[in-house]
Protein backbone atom coordinates (compact mmCIF):
# COMPACT_ATOMS: atom_id res chain seq x y z
CA UNK A 1 0.00 0.00 0.00
CA UNK A 2 1.33 3.40 -0.87
CA UNK A 3 1.63 6.17 1.69
CA UNK A 4 -0.36 8.78 -0.22
CA UNK A 5 -3.29 9.04 2.12
CA UNK A 6 -6.84 7.86 2.40
CA UNK A 7 -7.55 7.73 -1.34
CA UNK A 8 -4.66 5.34 -1.95
CA UNK A 9 -5.70 3.17 0.98
CA UNK A 10 -9.28 2.99 -0.32
CA UNK A 11 -8.03 2.17 -3.83
CA UNK A 12 -5.90 -0.65 -2.43
CA UNK A 13 -8.84 -1.91 -0.38
CA UNK A 14 -11.32 -1.92 -3.27
CA UNK A 15 -9.13 -3.36 -6.02
CA UNK A 16 -8.35 -7.00 -6.61
CA UNK A 17 -5.01 -8.69 -7.20
CA UNK A 18 -5.02 -7.56 -10.84
CA UNK A 19 -5.47 -3.88 -9.92
CA UNK A 20 -9.05 -3.70 -11.23
CA UNK A 21 -12.09 -2.76 -9.14
CA UNK A 22 -13.54 -5.74 -7.28
CA UNK A 23 -17.35 -5.87 -7.19
CA UNK A 24 -17.32 -8.07 -4.10
CA UNK A 25 -15.01 -5.72 -2.23
CA UNK A 26 -17.20 -2.73 -3.08
CA UNK A 27 -20.39 -4.63 -2.18
CA UNK A 28 -19.04 -5.82 1.19
CA UNK A 29 -17.96 -2.27 2.04
CA UNK A 30 -21.37 -0.90 1.04
CA UNK A 31 -23.24 -3.53 3.08
CA UNK A 32 -21.16 -2.73 6.14
CA UNK A 33 -21.48 1.05 5.67
CA UNK A 34 -25.24 0.95 5.08
CA UNK A 35 -25.97 -1.25 8.11
CA UNK A 36 -23.74 0.79 10.42
CA UNK A 37 -25.00 4.16 9.11
CA UNK A 38 -28.61 3.08 9.54
CA UNK A 39 -27.85 1.91 13.07
CA UNK A 40 -26.20 5.22 13.98
CA UNK A 41 -29.04 7.13 12.32
CA UNK A 42 -31.70 5.27 14.26
CA UNK A 43 -29.75 5.70 17.50
CA UNK A 44 -29.66 9.45 16.90
CA UNK A 45 -33.34 9.52 15.92
CA UNK A 46 -34.40 7.62 19.04
CA UNK A 47 -32.01 9.55 21.26
CA UNK A 48 -30.66 6.40 22.89
CA UNK A 49 -28.33 3.51 22.18
CA UNK A 50 -30.14 0.75 20.33
CA UNK A 51 -28.25 -2.54 20.66
CA UNK A 52 -27.27 -4.25 17.43
CA UNK A 53 -29.31 -7.39 16.89
CA UNK A 54 -27.74 -10.71 16.02
CA UNK A 55 -29.13 -10.30 12.49
CA UNK A 56 -27.19 -7.05 12.01
CA UNK A 57 -24.00 -8.58 13.35
CA UNK A 58 -24.49 -11.62 11.10
CA UNK A 59 -24.93 -9.41 8.01
CA UNK A 60 -21.77 -7.43 8.76
CA UNK A 61 -19.74 -10.47 9.81
CA UNK A 62 -20.92 -12.48 6.82
CA UNK A 63 -20.03 -9.76 4.32
CA UNK A 64 -16.60 -9.13 5.83
CA UNK A 65 -15.90 -12.80 6.50
CA UNK A 66 -16.74 -13.84 2.94
CA UNK A 67 -14.45 -11.15 1.57
CA UNK A 68 -11.65 -12.13 3.94
CA UNK A 69 -11.99 -15.76 2.90
CA UNK A 70 -11.91 -14.82 -0.77
CA UNK A 71 -8.82 -12.66 -0.20
CA UNK A 72 -7.13 -15.59 1.54
CA UNK A 73 -7.47 -17.64 -1.65
CA UNK A 74 -6.69 -14.72 -4.01
CA UNK A 75 -3.51 -13.53 -2.31
CA UNK A 76 -2.35 -16.70 -0.59
CA UNK A 77 -1.00 -16.91 2.96
CA UNK A 78 1.04 -13.71 2.98
CA UNK A 79 -1.41 -11.48 1.13
CA UNK A 80 -4.11 -11.32 3.77
CA UNK A 81 -1.55 -10.12 6.33
CA UNK A 82 -0.24 -7.16 4.38
CA UNK A 83 0.81 -8.45 0.97
CA UNK A 84 4.08 -10.02 1.92
CA UNK A 85 4.28 -9.19 5.63
CA UNK A 86 4.03 -12.86 6.61
CA UNK A 87 1.36 -14.91 8.29
CA UNK A 88 1.12 -14.28 12.07
CA UNK A 89 -0.34 -17.76 12.58
CA UNK A 90 2.94 -19.17 11.32
CA UNK A 91 4.97 -16.85 13.58
CA UNK A 92 5.95 -14.57 10.69
CA UNK A 93 5.63 -10.81 10.48
CA UNK A 94 5.14 -10.26 14.20
C-alpha atoms as a PDB file:
ATOM      1  CA  UNK A   1       0.000   0.000   0.000  1.00  0.00           C
ATOM      2  CA  UNK A   2       1.330   3.403  -0.869  1.00  0.00           C
ATOM      3  CA  UNK A   3       1.631   6.167   1.692  1.00  0.00           C
ATOM      4  CA  UNK A   4      -0.356   8.776  -0.215  1.00  0.00           C
ATOM      5  CA  UNK A   5      -3.292   9.039   2.122  1.00  0.00           C
ATOM      6  CA  UNK A   6      -6.838   7.860   2.404  1.00  0.00           C
ATOM      7  CA  UNK A   7      -7.555   7.730  -1.339  1.00  0.00           C
ATOM      8  CA  UNK A   8      -4.655   5.344  -1.952  1.00  0.00           C
ATOM      9  CA  UNK A   9      -5.700   3.170   0.976  1.00  0.00           C
ATOM     10  CA  UNK A  10      -9.282   2.987  -0.320  1.00  0.00           C
ATOM     11  CA  UNK A  11      -8.034   2.171  -3.827  1.00  0.00           C
ATOM     12  CA  UNK A  12      -5.896  -0.648  -2.432  1.00  0.00           C
ATOM     13  CA  UNK A  13      -8.843  -1.913  -0.381  1.00  0.00           C
ATOM     14  CA  UNK A  14     -11.323  -1.918  -3.273  1.00  0.00           C
ATOM     15  CA  UNK A  15      -9.130  -3.361  -6.022  1.00  0.00           C
ATOM     16  CA  UNK A  16      -8.349  -6.997  -6.611  1.00  0.00           C
ATOM     17  CA  UNK A  17      -5.007  -8.692  -7.202  1.00  0.00           C
ATOM     18  CA  UNK A  18      -5.025  -7.564 -10.838  1.00  0.00           C
ATOM     19  CA  UNK A  19      -5.468  -3.876  -9.921  1.00  0.00           C
ATOM     20  CA  UNK A  20      -9.053  -3.700 -11.233  1.00  0.00           C
ATOM     21  CA  UNK A  21     -12.092  -2.756  -9.137  1.00  0.00           C
ATOM     22  CA  UNK A  22     -13.541  -5.738  -7.282  1.00  0.00           C
ATOM     23  CA  UNK A  23     -17.347  -5.867  -7.192  1.00  0.00           C
ATOM     24  CA  UNK A  24     -17.321  -8.071  -4.100  1.00  0.00           C
ATOM     25  CA  UNK A  25     -15.010  -5.720  -2.234  1.00  0.00           C
ATOM     26  CA  UNK A  26     -17.204  -2.729  -3.080  1.00  0.00           C
ATOM     27  CA  UNK A  27     -20.388  -4.633  -2.177  1.00  0.00           C
ATOM     28  CA  UNK A  28     -19.038  -5.817   1.188  1.00  0.00           C
ATOM     29  CA  UNK A  29     -17.959  -2.271   2.040  1.00  0.00           C
ATOM     30  CA  UNK A  30     -21.368  -0.900   1.041  1.00  0.00           C
ATOM     31  CA  UNK A  31     -23.242  -3.527   3.080  1.00  0.00           C
ATOM     32  CA  UNK A  32     -21.164  -2.728   6.140  1.00  0.00           C
ATOM     33  CA  UNK A  33     -21.476   1.045   5.673  1.00  0.00           C
ATOM     34  CA  UNK A  34     -25.238   0.946   5.085  1.00  0.00           C
ATOM     35  CA  UNK A  35     -25.966  -1.252   8.113  1.00  0.00           C
ATOM     36  CA  UNK A  36     -23.743   0.794  10.417  1.00  0.00           C
ATOM     37  CA  UNK A  37     -24.998   4.162   9.108  1.00  0.00           C
ATOM     38  CA  UNK A  38     -28.613   3.079   9.538  1.00  0.00           C
ATOM     39  CA  UNK A  39     -27.850   1.906  13.071  1.00  0.00           C
ATOM     40  CA  UNK A  40     -26.197   5.223  13.983  1.00  0.00           C
ATOM     41  CA  UNK A  41     -29.040   7.132  12.323  1.00  0.00           C
ATOM     42  CA  UNK A  42     -31.704   5.269  14.262  1.00  0.00           C
ATOM     43  CA  UNK A  43     -29.750   5.702  17.499  1.00  0.00           C
ATOM     44  CA  UNK A  44     -29.658   9.454  16.903  1.00  0.00           C
ATOM     45  CA  UNK A  45     -33.341   9.521  15.915  1.00  0.00           C
ATOM     46  CA  UNK A  46     -34.402   7.615  19.036  1.00  0.00           C
ATOM     47  CA  UNK A  47     -32.014   9.553  21.258  1.00  0.00           C
ATOM     48  CA  UNK A  48     -30.657   6.400  22.892  1.00  0.00           C
ATOM     49  CA  UNK A  49     -28.329   3.507  22.176  1.00  0.00           C
ATOM     50  CA  UNK A  50     -30.138   0.749  20.331  1.00  0.00           C
ATOM     51  CA  UNK A  51     -28.247  -2.544  20.665  1.00  0.00           C
ATOM     52  CA  UNK A  52     -27.274  -4.253  17.426  1.00  0.00           C
ATOM     53  CA  UNK A  53     -29.312  -7.387  16.886  1.00  0.00           C
ATOM     54  CA  UNK A  54     -27.739 -10.709  16.022  1.00  0.00           C
ATOM     55  CA  UNK A  55     -29.127 -10.297  12.492  1.00  0.00           C
ATOM     56  CA  UNK A  56     -27.187  -7.047  12.008  1.00  0.00           C
ATOM     57  CA  UNK A  57     -24.001  -8.582  13.354  1.00  0.00           C
ATOM     58  CA  UNK A  58     -24.485 -11.618  11.099  1.00  0.00           C
ATOM     59  CA  UNK A  59     -24.927  -9.412   8.014  1.00  0.00           C
ATOM     60  CA  UNK A  60     -21.769  -7.428   8.764  1.00  0.00           C
ATOM     61  CA  UNK A  61     -19.744 -10.472   9.812  1.00  0.00           C
ATOM     62  CA  UNK A  62     -20.920 -12.479   6.818  1.00  0.00           C
ATOM     63  CA  UNK A  63     -20.030  -9.762   4.321  1.00  0.00           C
ATOM     64  CA  UNK A  64     -16.604  -9.132   5.829  1.00  0.00           C
ATOM     65  CA  UNK A  65     -15.903 -12.805   6.503  1.00  0.00           C
ATOM     66  CA  UNK A  66     -16.740 -13.836   2.940  1.00  0.00           C
ATOM     67  CA  UNK A  67     -14.446 -11.152   1.569  1.00  0.00           C
ATOM     68  CA  UNK A  68     -11.649 -12.128   3.944  1.00  0.00           C
ATOM     69  CA  UNK A  69     -11.990 -15.760   2.904  1.00  0.00           C
ATOM     70  CA  UNK A  70     -11.911 -14.816  -0.772  1.00  0.00           C
ATOM     71  CA  UNK A  71      -8.822 -12.665  -0.195  1.00  0.00           C
ATOM     72  CA  UNK A  72      -7.135 -15.585   1.536  1.00  0.00           C
ATOM     73  CA  UNK A  73      -7.471 -17.641  -1.649  1.00  0.00           C
ATOM     74  CA  UNK A  74      -6.685 -14.722  -4.007  1.00  0.00           C
ATOM     75  CA  UNK A  75      -3.513 -13.529  -2.308  1.00  0.00           C
ATOM     76  CA  UNK A  76      -2.352 -16.699  -0.591  1.00  0.00           C
ATOM     77  CA  UNK A  77      -1.001 -16.910   2.956  1.00  0.00           C
ATOM     78  CA  UNK A  78       1.037 -13.715   2.982  1.00  0.00           C
ATOM     79  CA  UNK A  79      -1.408 -11.483   1.132  1.00  0.00           C
ATOM     80  CA  UNK A  80      -4.106 -11.315   3.774  1.00  0.00           C
ATOM     81  CA  UNK A  81      -1.555 -10.117   6.326  1.00  0.00           C
ATOM     82  CA  UNK A  82      -0.245  -7.157   4.376  1.00  0.00           C
ATOM     83  CA  UNK A  83       0.808  -8.450   0.968  1.00  0.00           C
ATOM     84  CA  UNK A  84       4.080 -10.023   1.925  1.00  0.00           C
ATOM     85  CA  UNK A  85       4.280  -9.191   5.633  1.00  0.00           C
ATOM     86  CA  UNK A  86       4.031 -12.863   6.609  1.00  0.00           C
ATOM     87  CA  UNK A  87       1.363 -14.909   8.292  1.00  0.00           C
ATOM     88  CA  UNK A  88       1.117 -14.277  12.073  1.00  0.00           C
ATOM     89  CA  UNK A  89      -0.343 -17.762  12.582  1.00  0.00           C
ATOM     90  CA  UNK A  90       2.941 -19.171  11.320  1.00  0.00           C
ATOM     91  CA  UNK A  91       4.973 -16.851  13.578  1.00  0.00           C
ATOM     92  CA  UNK A  92       5.953 -14.571  10.688  1.00  0.00           C
ATOM     93  CA  UNK A  93       5.631 -10.815  10.479  1.00  0.00           C
ATOM     94  CA  UNK A  94       5.135 -10.256  14.200  1.00  0.00           C
END
